[in-house]
C-alpha atoms as a PDB file:
ATOM      1  CA  MET A   1     -29.487  98.686-101.570  1.00  0.00           C
ATOM      2  CA  ALA A   2     -26.506  96.388-100.933  1.00  0.00           C
ATOM      3  CA  LYS A   3     -24.821  94.605-103.750  1.00  0.00           C
ATOM      4  CA  ALA A   4     -24.161  90.879-103.374  1.00  0.00           C
ATOM      5  CA  THR A   5     -20.642  89.785-104.205  1.00  0.00           C
ATOM      6  CA  ALA A   6     -19.918  86.404-105.716  1.00  0.00           C
ATOM      7  CA  VAL A   7     -17.441  84.160-103.906  1.00  0.00           C
ATOM      8  CA  ASP A   8     -15.076  82.133-106.036  1.00  0.00           C
ATOM      9  CA  PRO A   9     -15.198  78.509-104.759  1.00  0.00           C
ATOM     10  CA  VAL A  10     -11.639  77.850-105.956  1.00  0.00           C
ATOM     11  CA  GLU A  11     -10.338  80.799-103.940  1.00  0.00           C
ATOM     12  CA  VAL A  12     -12.178  79.596-100.833  1.00  0.00           C
ATOM     13  CA  GLU A  13     -10.729  76.103-101.277  1.00  0.00           C
ATOM     14  CA  LEU A  14      -7.203  77.508-101.644  1.00  0.00           C
ATOM     15  CA  GLU A  15      -7.612  79.538 -98.450  1.00  0.00           C
ATOM     16  CA  ASP A  16      -8.782  76.401 -96.612  1.00  0.00           C
ATOM     17  CA  GLN A  17      -5.780  74.436 -97.903  1.00  0.00           C
ATOM     18  CA  GLU A  18      -3.376  77.195 -96.835  1.00  0.00           C
ATOM     19  CA  HIS A  19      -4.930  77.222 -93.357  1.00  0.00           C
ATOM     20  CA  GLU A  20      -4.615  73.425 -93.066  1.00  0.00           C
ATOM     21  CA  GLN A  21      -1.005  73.563 -94.311  1.00  0.00           C
ATOM     22  CA  GLY A  22      -0.189  76.171 -91.665  1.00  0.00           C
ATOM     23  CA  GLU A  23      -1.583  73.906 -88.959  1.00  0.00           C
ATOM     24  CA  LEU A  24       0.475  70.985 -90.271  1.00  0.00           C
ATOM     25  CA  ASP A  25       3.631  73.106 -90.356  1.00  0.00           C
ATOM     26  CA  GLU A  26       3.116  74.125 -86.722  1.00  0.00           C
ATOM     27  CA  ALA A  27       2.583  70.504 -85.673  1.00  0.00           C
ATOM     28  CA  ALA A  28       5.714  69.366 -87.541  1.00  0.00           C
ATOM     29  CA  LEU A  29       8.116  71.895 -85.968  1.00  0.00           C
ATOM     30  CA  PRO A  30       9.357  69.614 -83.153  1.00  0.00           C
ATOM     31  CA  PHE A  31       9.901  66.775 -85.623  1.00  0.00           C
ATOM     32  CA  GLY A  32      11.897  69.071 -87.901  1.00  0.00           C
ATOM     33  CA  ASP A  33      14.235  69.872 -85.026  1.00  0.00           C
ATOM     34  CA  GLN A  34      14.659  66.179 -84.231  1.00  0.00           C
ATOM     35  CA  LEU A  35      15.282  65.375 -87.889  1.00  0.00           C
ATOM     36  CA  GLU A  36      17.910  68.092 -88.128  1.00  0.00           C
ATOM     37  CA  SER A  37      19.611  66.771 -84.985  1.00  0.00           C
ATOM     38  CA  LEU A  38      19.572  63.236 -86.381  1.00  0.00           C
ATOM     39  CA  GLY A  39      21.085  64.467 -89.640  1.00  0.00           C
ATOM     40  CA  ASN A  40      23.861  66.212 -87.725  1.00  0.00           C
ATOM     41  CA  ASN A  41      24.553  63.030 -85.733  1.00  0.00           C
ATOM     42  CA  VAL A  42      24.762  60.937 -88.907  1.00  0.00           C
ATOM     43  CA  THR A  43      27.078  63.470 -90.534  1.00  0.00           C
ATOM     44  CA  GLN A  44      29.343  63.446 -87.488  1.00  0.00           C
ATOM     45  CA  PHE A  45      29.398  59.619 -87.463  1.00  0.00           C
ATOM     46  CA  VAL A  46      30.297  59.441 -91.163  1.00  0.00           C
ATOM     47  CA  VAL A  47      33.091  61.997 -90.758  1.00  0.00           C
ATOM     48  CA  GLU A  48      34.565  60.238 -87.718  1.00  0.00           C
ATOM     49  CA  ARG A  49      34.162  56.642 -88.970  1.00  0.00           C
ATOM     50  CA  PRO A  50      33.911  56.552 -92.780  1.00  0.00           C
ATOM     51  CA  LEU A  51      34.660  52.826 -93.163  1.00  0.00           C
ATOM     52  CA  ALA A  52      32.070  51.867 -90.561  1.00  0.00           C
ATOM     53  CA  ALA A  53      29.511  54.061 -92.329  1.00  0.00           C
ATOM     54  CA  VAL A  54      30.246  52.373 -95.673  1.00  0.00           C
ATOM     55  CA  GLY A  55      29.957  48.952 -94.036  1.00  0.00           C
ATOM     56  CA  ILE A  56      26.619  49.840 -92.479  1.00  0.00           C
ATOM     57  CA  ALA A  57      25.312  51.188 -95.790  1.00  0.00           C
ATOM     58  CA  LEU A  58      26.376  48.005 -97.604  1.00  0.00           C
ATOM     59  CA  GLY A  59      24.808  45.824 -94.910  1.00  0.00           C
ATOM     60  CA  VAL A  60      21.516  47.691 -95.021  1.00  0.00           C
ATOM     61  CA  GLY A  61      21.518  47.544 -98.818  1.00  0.00           C
ATOM     62  CA  PHE A  62      22.160  43.803 -98.744  1.00  0.00           C
ATOM     63  CA  LEU A  63      19.345  43.215 -96.248  1.00  0.00           C
ATOM     64  CA  LEU A  64      16.882  45.327 -98.218  1.00  0.00           C
ATOM     65  CA  GLY A  65      17.854  43.501-101.395  1.00  0.00           C
ATOM     66  CA  ARG A  66      17.216  40.140 -99.761  1.00  0.00           C
ATOM     67  CA  LEU A  67      13.870  41.296 -98.363  1.00  0.00           C
ATOM     68  CA  PHE A  68      12.542  42.642-101.639  1.00  0.00           C
ATOM     69  CA  ARG A  69      13.881  39.788-103.758  1.00  0.00           C
ATOM     70  CA  SER A  70      11.788  37.241-101.851  1.00  0.00           C
END
């Protein structure tokens, strides 16, 4: 006679979430590479042209301030 084992619904849900997270991680790999490349480009720009980077940051901040103040 076989014994029935109870399945914990919380454990099953956690396994499903881990599986879905793994699929999302695989889909996001190319974007992670692009994001890393973009970060490297920004870092290089800031190192080579610090005053231009500060000016751009101030300009973007000013524009965002004007947009959200309205």
